Amino acid sequence: MTGDRGRSIRTIVRVVSLLFTGVFAGFLLGVLVLENSLRGYDAAIYTQVRLVELDSLDTLATVTLIPALVCTAIAGVLAVRAKSRDRWLLAAAFALLLVVFVTSLAINVPINGDQVGWSVQTPPSDWASVRDRWQLAHLVRTLCAVLAFCSLTAATFLRLARGPRTGSANLQIQSESRAPTSLVRNLST
């Protein structure tokens, strides 16, 4: 991809990556706060809240994580091909989102599947250890998602700080930067 169209596509992919990663990280932070609040309650209350969480939150996780992962991968590949200075930040963000995805599939999703069958009146006897495993895995994926968002944000700032791309734009900026000096000189005479 070259030219304005290629730059536009790269920009759109980066914006979508940053947007979905930010929404996903924020969602995970909200769940982390809620889950931490639940630590002081008994099995019945924990189970009831988890059943409410499991009603739709898995869907929200899927519709935010998958686009974040795909767009970050595409942005990373495009940055590597262009030998962009921020390619390592994009690669780090993708690796962190991959850790989130694997942690979710290996630990959180199977526990979610088991918890859907829990009864509020008679939660399993090992409910606290299951809760702890889920919450620890959730903490790991939340930290990784937040770090991925920070990495994408840093890549965005690095890209914005890069400045103009073409020599003609540099010349135009240089000539404009001299204008105030000549204006001051003309005003002082």
N, C-alpha and C. Protein backbone atom coordinates (compact mmCIF):
# COMPACT_ATOMS: atom_id res chain seq x y z
N MET A 1 0.84 -1.18 0.00
CA MET A 1 0.00 0.00 0.00
C MET A 1 0.88 1.23 0.00
N THR A 2 0.66 2.06 -1.00
CA THR A 2 1.41 3.29 -1.08
C THR A 2 0.46 4.45 -1.27
N GLY A 3 0.98 5.63 -1.08
CA GLY A 3 0.19 6.81 -1.33
C GLY A 3 -0.81 7.12 -0.23
N ASP A 4 -1.69 8.06 -0.58
CA ASP A 4 -2.68 8.53 0.38
C ASP A 4 -3.66 7.43 0.80
N ARG A 5 -4.04 6.58 -0.14
CA ARG A 5 -4.99 5.51 0.18
C ARG A 5 -4.38 4.54 1.20
N GLY A 6 -3.13 4.18 0.99
CA GLY A 6 -2.45 3.28 1.92
C GLY A 6 -2.32 3.89 3.31
N ARG A 7 -1.98 5.19 3.35
CA ARG A 7 -1.88 5.88 4.65
C ARG A 7 -3.24 5.95 5.33
N SER A 8 -4.28 6.17 4.54
CA SER A 8 -5.64 6.22 5.12
C SER A 8 -6.03 4.87 5.71
N ILE A 9 -5.74 3.79 5.01
CA ILE A 9 -6.06 2.46 5.52
C ILE A 9 -5.28 2.17 6.79
N ARG A 10 -3.98 2.49 6.78
CA ARG A 10 -3.16 2.28 7.98
C ARG A 10 -3.70 3.09 9.16
N THR A 11 -4.10 4.30 8.90
CA THR A 11 -4.64 5.16 9.96
C THR A 11 -5.94 4.59 10.50
N ILE A 12 -6.83 4.16 9.63
CA ILE A 12 -8.12 3.60 10.06
C ILE A 12 -7.89 2.34 10.89
N VAL A 13 -6.99 1.47 10.45
CA VAL A 13 -6.71 0.23 11.18
C VAL A 13 -6.15 0.56 12.57
N ARG A 14 -5.26 1.54 12.65
CA ARG A 14 -4.68 1.93 13.93
C ARG A 14 -5.73 2.53 14.86
N VAL A 15 -6.61 3.36 14.32
CA VAL A 15 -7.65 3.98 15.14
C VAL A 15 -8.60 2.91 15.67
N VAL A 16 -9.01 1.98 14.81
CA VAL A 16 -9.91 0.91 15.24
C VAL A 16 -9.22 0.03 16.29
N SER A 17 -7.95 -0.26 16.09
CA SER A 17 -7.19 -1.04 17.05
C SER A 17 -7.16 -0.34 18.41
N LEU A 18 -6.82 0.93 18.40
CA LEU A 18 -6.75 1.71 19.64
C LEU A 18 -8.13 1.80 20.31
N LEU A 19 -9.16 2.04 19.53
CA LEU A 19 -10.51 2.17 20.06
C LEU A 19 -10.99 0.87 20.72
N PHE A 20 -10.91 -0.25 19.99
CA PHE A 20 -11.40 -1.51 20.55
C PHE A 20 -10.54 -1.99 21.72
N THR A 21 -9.24 -1.77 21.65
CA THR A 21 -8.38 -2.16 22.77
C THR A 21 -8.70 -1.33 24.00
N GLY A 22 -8.95 -0.04 23.81
CA GLY A 22 -9.31 0.83 24.93
C GLY A 22 -10.63 0.45 25.55
N VAL A 23 -11.63 0.17 24.72
CA VAL A 23 -12.93 -0.24 25.23
C VAL A 23 -12.80 -1.57 25.97
N PHE A 24 -12.06 -2.51 25.38
CA PHE A 24 -11.88 -3.81 26.01
C PHE A 24 -11.16 -3.68 27.35
N ALA A 25 -10.08 -2.90 27.38
CA ALA A 25 -9.33 -2.73 28.63
C ALA A 25 -10.21 -2.06 29.70
N GLY A 26 -10.98 -1.08 29.30
CA GLY A 26 -11.88 -0.41 30.24
C GLY A 26 -12.94 -1.37 30.78
N PHE A 27 -13.49 -2.19 29.89
CA PHE A 27 -14.46 -3.20 30.30
C PHE A 27 -13.85 -4.15 31.33
N LEU A 28 -12.63 -4.64 31.05
CA LEU A 28 -11.98 -5.55 31.99
C LEU A 28 -11.70 -4.88 33.33
N LEU A 29 -11.33 -3.61 33.30
CA LEU A 29 -11.11 -2.89 34.56
C LEU A 29 -12.40 -2.79 35.38
N GLY A 30 -13.51 -2.52 34.70
CA GLY A 30 -14.79 -2.47 35.40
C GLY A 30 -15.13 -3.79 36.05
N VAL A 31 -14.92 -4.89 35.32
CA VAL A 31 -15.20 -6.22 35.87
C VAL A 31 -14.25 -6.50 37.04
N LEU A 32 -13.00 -6.07 36.92
CA LEU A 32 -12.03 -6.28 38.00
C LEU A 32 -12.48 -5.60 39.28
N VAL A 33 -12.96 -4.37 39.16
CA VAL A 33 -13.45 -3.65 40.34
C VAL A 33 -14.66 -4.37 40.94
N LEU A 34 -15.59 -4.78 40.09
CA LEU A 34 -16.77 -5.50 40.57
C LEU A 34 -16.36 -6.80 41.28
N GLU A 35 -15.50 -7.57 40.64
CA GLU A 35 -15.07 -8.86 41.22
C GLU A 35 -14.34 -8.66 42.54
N ASN A 36 -13.53 -7.61 42.62
CA ASN A 36 -12.83 -7.33 43.88
C ASN A 36 -13.83 -6.98 44.98
N SER A 37 -14.89 -6.26 44.61
CA SER A 37 -15.93 -5.91 45.58
C SER A 37 -16.65 -7.15 46.08
N LEU A 38 -16.77 -8.16 45.25
CA LEU A 38 -17.49 -9.39 45.63
C LEU A 38 -16.73 -10.26 46.63
N ARG A 39 -15.45 -9.98 46.82
CA ARG A 39 -14.64 -10.83 47.69
C ARG A 39 -15.15 -10.83 49.13
N GLY A 40 -15.87 -9.81 49.53
CA GLY A 40 -16.37 -9.73 50.90
C GLY A 40 -17.73 -10.38 51.11
N TYR A 41 -18.28 -10.97 50.08
CA TYR A 41 -19.63 -11.55 50.18
C TYR A 41 -19.59 -13.08 50.17
N ASP A 42 -20.71 -13.68 50.56
CA ASP A 42 -20.78 -15.13 50.67
C ASP A 42 -21.03 -15.79 49.30
N ALA A 43 -21.09 -17.10 49.32
CA ALA A 43 -21.21 -17.90 48.09
C ALA A 43 -22.48 -17.59 47.31
N ALA A 44 -23.58 -17.41 48.00
CA ALA A 44 -24.85 -17.17 47.30
C ALA A 44 -24.83 -15.84 46.55
N ILE A 45 -24.33 -14.81 47.19
CA ILE A 45 -24.28 -13.49 46.53
C ILE A 45 -23.28 -13.52 45.38
N TYR A 46 -22.10 -14.11 45.62
CA TYR A 46 -21.12 -14.22 44.54
C TYR A 46 -21.71 -14.95 43.35
N THR A 47 -22.36 -16.06 43.59
CA THR A 47 -22.94 -16.86 42.50
C THR A 47 -24.01 -16.08 41.76
N GLN A 48 -24.86 -15.38 42.49
CA GLN A 48 -25.92 -14.61 41.85
C GLN A 48 -25.34 -13.52 40.95
N VAL A 49 -24.35 -12.80 41.43
CA VAL A 49 -23.74 -11.74 40.61
C VAL A 49 -23.02 -12.34 39.40
N ARG A 50 -22.32 -13.46 39.59
CA ARG A 50 -21.63 -14.10 38.46
C ARG A 50 -22.64 -14.53 37.39
N LEU A 51 -23.79 -15.05 37.80
CA LEU A 51 -24.79 -15.46 36.82
C LEU A 51 -25.31 -14.26 36.03
N VAL A 52 -25.44 -13.11 36.70
CA VAL A 52 -25.84 -11.89 36.00
C VAL A 52 -24.73 -11.47 35.03
N GLU A 53 -23.47 -11.49 35.50
CA GLU A 53 -22.33 -11.15 34.64
C GLU A 53 -22.30 -12.03 33.39
N LEU A 54 -22.51 -13.31 33.59
CA LEU A 54 -22.39 -14.27 32.50
C LEU A 54 -23.52 -14.17 31.47
N ASP A 55 -24.56 -13.41 31.80
CA ASP A 55 -25.68 -13.26 30.88
C ASP A 55 -25.24 -12.62 29.56
N SER A 56 -24.43 -11.56 29.61
CA SER A 56 -24.07 -10.86 28.37
C SER A 56 -22.62 -10.39 28.30
N LEU A 57 -21.89 -10.44 29.39
CA LEU A 57 -20.54 -9.89 29.38
C LEU A 57 -19.57 -10.68 28.49
N ASP A 58 -19.79 -11.98 28.34
CA ASP A 58 -18.94 -12.75 27.42
C ASP A 58 -19.08 -12.24 26.00
N THR A 59 -20.30 -11.85 25.63
CA THR A 59 -20.54 -11.30 24.29
C THR A 59 -19.78 -10.00 24.12
N LEU A 60 -19.86 -9.12 25.12
CA LEU A 60 -19.13 -7.85 25.06
C LEU A 60 -17.63 -8.09 24.93
N ALA A 61 -17.11 -9.05 25.67
CA ALA A 61 -15.68 -9.37 25.59
C ALA A 61 -15.31 -9.82 24.18
N THR A 62 -16.14 -10.66 23.60
CA THR A 62 -15.85 -11.17 22.25
C THR A 62 -15.89 -10.07 21.20
N VAL A 63 -16.91 -9.22 21.24
CA VAL A 63 -17.05 -8.20 20.20
C VAL A 63 -16.07 -7.04 20.36
N THR A 64 -15.35 -7.00 21.46
CA THR A 64 -14.30 -5.99 21.60
C THR A 64 -12.90 -6.58 21.46
N LEU A 65 -12.67 -7.77 22.01
CA LEU A 65 -11.33 -8.37 21.93
C LEU A 65 -10.96 -8.81 20.51
N ILE A 66 -11.88 -9.46 19.82
CA ILE A 66 -11.54 -9.99 18.48
C ILE A 66 -11.15 -8.85 17.52
N PRO A 67 -11.94 -7.77 17.40
CA PRO A 67 -11.51 -6.68 16.51
C PRO A 67 -10.20 -6.03 16.98
N ALA A 68 -10.02 -5.91 18.30
CA ALA A 68 -8.77 -5.34 18.82
C ALA A 68 -7.58 -6.19 18.40
N LEU A 69 -7.71 -7.49 18.54
CA LEU A 69 -6.63 -8.42 18.19
C LEU A 69 -6.35 -8.39 16.69
N VAL A 70 -7.38 -8.47 15.88
CA VAL A 70 -7.21 -8.50 14.42
C VAL A 70 -6.62 -7.19 13.91
N CYS A 71 -7.18 -6.06 14.35
CA CYS A 71 -6.68 -4.77 13.86
C CYS A 71 -5.26 -4.47 14.35
N THR A 72 -4.95 -4.90 15.56
CA THR A 72 -3.59 -4.70 16.07
C THR A 72 -2.60 -5.56 15.28
N ALA A 73 -3.00 -6.77 14.93
CA ALA A 73 -2.14 -7.63 14.11
C ALA A 73 -1.91 -6.99 12.74
N ILE A 74 -2.96 -6.51 12.12
CA ILE A 74 -2.83 -5.87 10.80
C ILE A 74 -1.96 -4.63 10.90
N ALA A 75 -2.20 -3.79 11.90
CA ALA A 75 -1.40 -2.58 12.08
C ALA A 75 0.07 -2.93 12.31
N GLY A 76 0.31 -3.99 13.08
CA GLY A 76 1.69 -4.43 13.33
C GLY A 76 2.38 -4.91 12.07
N VAL A 77 1.68 -5.71 11.27
CA VAL A 77 2.26 -6.21 10.01
C VAL A 77 2.57 -5.03 9.08
N LEU A 78 1.65 -4.10 8.97
CA LEU A 78 1.88 -2.93 8.10
C LEU A 78 3.05 -2.08 8.61
N ALA A 79 3.16 -1.96 9.93
CA ALA A 79 4.28 -1.19 10.50
C ALA A 79 5.61 -1.89 10.28
N VAL A 80 5.64 -3.21 10.37
CA VAL A 80 6.87 -3.96 10.13
C VAL A 80 7.28 -3.82 8.67
N ARG A 81 6.31 -3.95 7.76
CA ARG A 81 6.61 -3.80 6.33
C ARG A 81 7.14 -2.42 6.00
N ALA A 82 6.61 -1.40 6.68
CA ALA A 82 7.04 -0.02 6.43
C ALA A 82 8.28 0.34 7.25
N LYS A 83 8.76 -0.59 8.07
CA LYS A 83 9.90 -0.34 8.97
C LYS A 83 9.67 0.90 9.82
N SER A 84 8.45 1.01 10.29
CA SER A 84 8.03 2.13 11.11
C SER A 84 8.71 2.07 12.47
N ARG A 85 9.00 3.25 13.04
CA ARG A 85 9.68 3.29 14.34
C ARG A 85 8.84 2.69 15.46
N ASP A 86 7.53 2.69 15.28
CA ASP A 86 6.64 2.21 16.35
C ASP A 86 6.26 0.74 16.19
N ARG A 87 6.93 0.03 15.28
CA ARG A 87 6.56 -1.37 15.03
C ARG A 87 6.71 -2.24 16.26
N TRP A 88 7.68 -1.96 17.13
CA TRP A 88 7.89 -2.78 18.32
C TRP A 88 6.78 -2.53 19.34
N LEU A 89 6.29 -1.31 19.39
CA LEU A 89 5.16 -1.03 20.28
C LEU A 89 3.90 -1.75 19.81
N LEU A 90 3.70 -1.80 18.50
CA LEU A 90 2.55 -2.52 17.95
C LEU A 90 2.71 -4.03 18.16
N ALA A 91 3.93 -4.52 17.99
CA ALA A 91 4.18 -5.95 18.23
C ALA A 91 3.94 -6.30 19.70
N ALA A 92 4.37 -5.42 20.59
CA ALA A 92 4.15 -5.65 22.03
C ALA A 92 2.66 -5.66 22.35
N ALA A 93 1.92 -4.72 21.77
CA ALA A 93 0.47 -4.66 22.00
C ALA A 93 -0.20 -5.94 21.50
N PHE A 94 0.21 -6.41 20.34
CA PHE A 94 -0.38 -7.64 19.81
C PHE A 94 -0.04 -8.83 20.71
N ALA A 95 1.21 -8.93 21.15
CA ALA A 95 1.62 -10.03 22.03
C ALA A 95 0.82 -10.00 23.34
N LEU A 96 0.61 -8.82 23.89
CA LEU A 96 -0.16 -8.69 25.12
C LEU A 96 -1.62 -9.10 24.91
N LEU A 97 -2.20 -8.68 23.78
CA LEU A 97 -3.58 -9.08 23.48
C LEU A 97 -3.68 -10.59 23.24
N LEU A 98 -2.63 -11.16 22.70
CA LEU A 98 -2.60 -12.61 22.52
C LEU A 98 -2.58 -13.33 23.87
N VAL A 99 -1.84 -12.79 24.83
CA VAL A 99 -1.83 -13.35 26.19
C VAL A 99 -3.24 -13.27 26.79
N VAL A 100 -3.92 -12.15 26.56
CA VAL A 100 -5.30 -12.00 27.03
C VAL A 100 -6.18 -13.09 26.42
N PHE A 101 -6.06 -13.28 25.12
CA PHE A 101 -6.88 -14.25 24.40
C PHE A 101 -6.63 -15.67 24.91
N VAL A 102 -5.36 -16.04 25.05
CA VAL A 102 -5.00 -17.39 25.50
C VAL A 102 -5.43 -17.60 26.95
N THR A 103 -5.20 -16.61 27.81
CA THR A 103 -5.62 -16.72 29.21
C THR A 103 -7.14 -16.90 29.30
N SER A 104 -7.85 -16.13 28.49
CA SER A 104 -9.31 -16.24 28.49
C SER A 104 -9.76 -17.63 28.06
N LEU A 105 -9.17 -18.12 26.97
CA LEU A 105 -9.58 -19.44 26.47
C LEU A 105 -9.17 -20.58 27.40
N ALA A 106 -8.00 -20.45 28.02
CA ALA A 106 -7.49 -21.54 28.85
C ALA A 106 -8.10 -21.56 30.25
N ILE A 107 -8.42 -20.40 30.80
CA ILE A 107 -8.85 -20.37 32.20
C ILE A 107 -10.26 -19.78 32.37
N ASN A 108 -10.45 -18.54 31.94
CA ASN A 108 -11.70 -17.84 32.24
C ASN A 108 -12.93 -18.44 31.55
N VAL A 109 -12.84 -18.72 30.27
CA VAL A 109 -14.00 -19.24 29.54
C VAL A 109 -14.45 -20.61 30.07
N PRO A 110 -13.53 -21.55 30.32
CA PRO A 110 -13.99 -22.82 30.91
C PRO A 110 -14.66 -22.65 32.28
N ILE A 111 -14.11 -21.76 33.11
CA ILE A 111 -14.74 -21.51 34.41
C ILE A 111 -16.12 -20.88 34.21
N ASN A 112 -16.22 -19.94 33.26
CA ASN A 112 -17.52 -19.34 32.96
C ASN A 112 -18.53 -20.41 32.57
N GLY A 113 -18.11 -21.35 31.75
CA GLY A 113 -18.99 -22.44 31.33
C GLY A 113 -19.49 -23.27 32.50
N ASP A 114 -18.60 -23.52 33.45
CA ASP A 114 -19.01 -24.27 34.66
C ASP A 114 -19.95 -23.44 35.53
N GLN A 115 -19.63 -22.15 35.69
CA GLN A 115 -20.40 -21.31 36.60
C GLN A 115 -21.83 -21.06 36.10
N VAL A 116 -22.07 -21.15 34.82
CA VAL A 116 -23.42 -20.97 34.28
C VAL A 116 -24.38 -21.99 34.90
N GLY A 117 -23.88 -23.15 35.26
CA GLY A 117 -24.71 -24.19 35.85
C GLY A 117 -24.82 -24.14 37.36
N TRP A 118 -24.15 -23.17 38.00
CA TRP A 118 -24.20 -23.08 39.45
C TRP A 118 -25.59 -22.64 39.92
N SER A 119 -25.95 -23.10 41.10
CA SER A 119 -27.22 -22.72 41.73
C SER A 119 -26.95 -21.70 42.82
N VAL A 120 -27.74 -20.64 42.85
CA VAL A 120 -27.57 -19.62 43.88
C VAL A 120 -27.84 -20.21 45.26
N GLN A 121 -28.81 -21.11 45.35
CA GLN A 121 -29.16 -21.71 46.64
C GLN A 121 -28.10 -22.70 47.13
N THR A 122 -27.46 -23.41 46.19
CA THR A 122 -26.46 -24.41 46.58
C THR A 122 -25.21 -24.31 45.69
N PRO A 123 -24.40 -23.28 45.90
CA PRO A 123 -23.15 -23.17 45.13
C PRO A 123 -22.23 -24.33 45.48
N PRO A 124 -21.30 -24.69 44.61
CA PRO A 124 -20.38 -25.79 44.93
C PRO A 124 -19.52 -25.47 46.16
N SER A 125 -19.08 -26.49 46.81
CA SER A 125 -18.28 -26.28 48.03
C SER A 125 -16.93 -25.61 47.75
N ASP A 126 -16.41 -25.80 46.56
CA ASP A 126 -15.11 -25.19 46.21
C ASP A 126 -15.28 -23.85 45.49
N TRP A 127 -16.42 -23.18 45.67
CA TRP A 127 -16.72 -21.95 44.95
C TRP A 127 -15.63 -20.89 45.15
N ALA A 128 -15.06 -20.78 46.35
CA ALA A 128 -14.06 -19.75 46.65
C ALA A 128 -12.76 -20.00 45.88
N SER A 129 -12.34 -21.25 45.77
CA SER A 129 -11.11 -21.54 45.04
C SER A 129 -11.32 -21.32 43.53
N VAL A 130 -12.50 -21.65 43.04
CA VAL A 130 -12.82 -21.39 41.63
C VAL A 130 -12.83 -19.88 41.39
N ARG A 131 -13.47 -19.14 42.29
CA ARG A 131 -13.49 -17.68 42.20
C ARG A 131 -12.07 -17.12 42.16
N ASP A 132 -11.22 -17.61 43.06
CA ASP A 132 -9.84 -17.10 43.13
C ASP A 132 -9.06 -17.37 41.85
N ARG A 133 -9.23 -18.58 41.29
CA ARG A 133 -8.55 -18.90 40.01
C ARG A 133 -9.03 -17.98 38.90
N TRP A 134 -10.35 -17.78 38.82
CA TRP A 134 -10.91 -16.92 37.78
C TRP A 134 -10.42 -15.49 37.96
N GLN A 135 -10.45 -14.99 39.19
CA GLN A 135 -10.05 -13.61 39.45
C GLN A 135 -8.56 -13.37 39.20
N LEU A 136 -7.73 -14.36 39.53
CA LEU A 136 -6.30 -14.22 39.25
C LEU A 136 -6.05 -14.17 37.75
N ALA A 137 -6.67 -15.05 37.00
CA ALA A 137 -6.53 -15.03 35.54
C ALA A 137 -7.09 -13.73 34.97
N HIS A 138 -8.18 -13.25 35.56
CA HIS A 138 -8.77 -11.99 35.10
C HIS A 138 -7.83 -10.82 35.37
N LEU A 139 -7.16 -10.83 36.51
CA LEU A 139 -6.19 -9.79 36.82
C LEU A 139 -5.07 -9.79 35.79
N VAL A 140 -4.57 -10.97 35.44
CA VAL A 140 -3.49 -11.07 34.44
C VAL A 140 -3.96 -10.50 33.11
N ARG A 141 -5.15 -10.90 32.66
CA ARG A 141 -5.60 -10.41 31.36
C ARG A 141 -5.95 -8.93 31.39
N THR A 142 -6.41 -8.42 32.53
CA THR A 142 -6.69 -6.99 32.64
C THR A 142 -5.40 -6.19 32.54
N LEU A 143 -4.37 -6.62 33.27
CA LEU A 143 -3.08 -5.92 33.21
C LEU A 143 -2.51 -5.95 31.79
N CYS A 144 -2.62 -7.09 31.12
CA CYS A 144 -2.12 -7.20 29.75
C CYS A 144 -2.90 -6.31 28.79
N ALA A 145 -4.22 -6.24 28.97
CA ALA A 145 -5.05 -5.40 28.10
C ALA A 145 -4.73 -3.92 28.31
N VAL A 146 -4.55 -3.52 29.56
CA VAL A 146 -4.21 -2.12 29.85
C VAL A 146 -2.83 -1.79 29.28
N LEU A 147 -1.88 -2.69 29.44
CA LEU A 147 -0.54 -2.46 28.87
C LEU A 147 -0.58 -2.42 27.34
N ALA A 148 -1.42 -3.25 26.73
CA ALA A 148 -1.58 -3.21 25.27
C ALA A 148 -2.14 -1.86 24.84
N PHE A 149 -3.12 -1.36 25.56
CA PHE A 149 -3.69 -0.05 25.26
C PHE A 149 -2.63 1.05 25.42
N CYS A 150 -1.84 0.98 26.48
CA CYS A 150 -0.75 1.95 26.69
C CYS A 150 0.26 1.88 25.56
N SER A 151 0.59 0.67 25.12
CA SER A 151 1.53 0.50 24.03
C SER A 151 0.99 1.10 22.73
N LEU A 152 -0.28 0.87 22.44
CA LEU A 152 -0.89 1.45 21.24
C LEU A 152 -0.96 2.97 21.34
N THR A 153 -1.23 3.47 22.53
CA THR A 153 -1.26 4.92 22.73
C THR A 153 0.12 5.51 22.52
N ALA A 154 1.14 4.86 23.06
CA ALA A 154 2.52 5.33 22.86
C ALA A 154 2.89 5.29 21.38
N ALA A 155 2.47 4.25 20.67
CA ALA A 155 2.74 4.17 19.23
C ALA A 155 2.06 5.32 18.49
N THR A 156 0.86 5.67 18.93
CA THR A 156 0.14 6.78 18.30
C THR A 156 0.89 8.08 18.52
N PHE A 157 1.33 8.33 19.76
CA PHE A 157 2.07 9.56 20.04
C PHE A 157 3.41 9.59 19.29
N LEU A 158 4.08 8.46 19.21
CA LEU A 158 5.33 8.39 18.47
C LEU A 158 5.10 8.71 17.00
N ARG A 159 4.02 8.19 16.46
CA ARG A 159 3.68 8.45 15.05
C ARG A 159 3.34 9.91 14.83
N LEU A 160 2.60 10.51 15.77
CA LEU A 160 2.23 11.92 15.64
C LEU A 160 3.45 12.83 15.80
N ALA A 161 4.38 12.43 16.65
CA ALA A 161 5.57 13.24 16.89
C ALA A 161 6.59 13.14 15.77
N ARG A 162 6.38 12.16 14.89
CA ARG A 162 7.32 11.94 13.80
C ARG A 162 7.43 13.13 12.88
N GLY A 163 6.37 13.87 12.74
CA GLY A 163 6.42 15.07 11.91
C GLY A 163 6.15 14.78 10.45
N PRO A 164 6.39 15.78 9.61
CA PRO A 164 6.10 15.67 8.18
C PRO A 164 6.93 14.58 7.51
N ARG A 165 6.35 14.01 6.44
CA ARG A 165 7.00 12.88 5.76
C ARG A 165 7.81 13.29 4.54
N THR A 166 7.46 14.38 3.89
CA THR A 166 8.10 14.69 2.61
C THR A 166 9.03 15.88 2.74
N GLY A 167 9.99 15.92 1.86
CA GLY A 167 10.94 17.02 1.83
C GLY A 167 10.26 18.34 1.54
N SER A 168 9.28 18.37 0.63
CA SER A 168 8.61 19.62 0.29
C SER A 168 7.88 20.19 1.51
N ALA A 169 7.33 19.32 2.34
CA ALA A 169 6.66 19.79 3.55
C ALA A 169 7.68 20.38 4.51
N ASN A 170 8.87 19.77 4.59
CA ASN A 170 9.93 20.31 5.44
C ASN A 170 10.36 21.68 4.97
N LEU A 171 10.50 21.84 3.66
CA LEU A 171 10.88 23.14 3.13
C LEU A 171 9.83 24.19 3.45
N GLN A 172 8.57 23.82 3.31
CA GLN A 172 7.50 24.74 3.59
C GLN A 172 7.52 25.15 5.07
N ILE A 173 7.74 24.21 5.96
CA ILE A 173 7.80 24.52 7.39
C ILE A 173 9.00 25.40 7.69
N GLN A 174 10.16 25.09 7.06
CA GLN A 174 11.35 25.91 7.29
C GLN A 174 11.12 27.34 6.83
N SER A 175 10.50 27.51 5.66
CA SER A 175 10.28 28.86 5.16
C SER A 175 9.26 29.59 6.03
N GLU A 176 8.26 28.87 6.56
CA GLU A 176 7.28 29.50 7.44
C GLU A 176 7.91 29.86 8.78
N SER A 177 8.88 29.05 9.22
CA SER A 177 9.50 29.34 10.51
C SER A 177 10.39 30.58 10.42
N ARG A 178 10.84 30.95 9.22
CA ARG A 178 11.63 32.17 9.06
C ARG A 178 10.75 33.40 8.97
N ALA A 179 9.50 33.22 8.61
CA ALA A 179 8.60 34.36 8.41
C ALA A 179 8.50 35.25 9.64
N PRO A 180 8.32 34.74 10.83
CA PRO A 180 8.22 35.63 11.99
C PRO A 180 9.50 36.45 12.20
N THR A 181 10.66 35.85 11.92
CA THR A 181 11.92 36.57 12.09
C THR A 181 11.98 37.76 11.14
N SER A 182 11.64 37.53 9.87
CA SER A 182 11.68 38.63 8.91
C SER A 182 10.59 39.65 9.23
N LEU A 183 9.48 39.21 9.75
CA LEU A 183 8.40 40.11 10.13
C LEU A 183 8.87 41.00 11.28
N VAL A 184 9.54 40.41 12.27
CA VAL A 184 10.06 41.18 13.40
C VAL A 184 11.10 42.18 12.92
N ARG A 185 11.98 41.76 12.00
CA ARG A 185 12.99 42.64 11.45
C ARG A 185 12.35 43.82 10.73
N ASN A 186 11.32 43.50 9.92
CA ASN A 186 10.63 44.57 9.17
C ASN A 186 9.89 45.52 10.11
N LEU A 187 9.32 45.02 11.17
CA LEU A 187 8.61 45.86 12.11
C LEU A 187 9.55 46.75 12.91
N SER A 188 10.78 46.29 13.14
CA SER A 188 11.72 47.07 13.96
C SER A 188 12.41 48.16 13.16
N THR A 189 12.35 48.13 11.84
CA THR A 189 13.02 49.17 11.03
C THR A 189 12.13 50.32 10.71
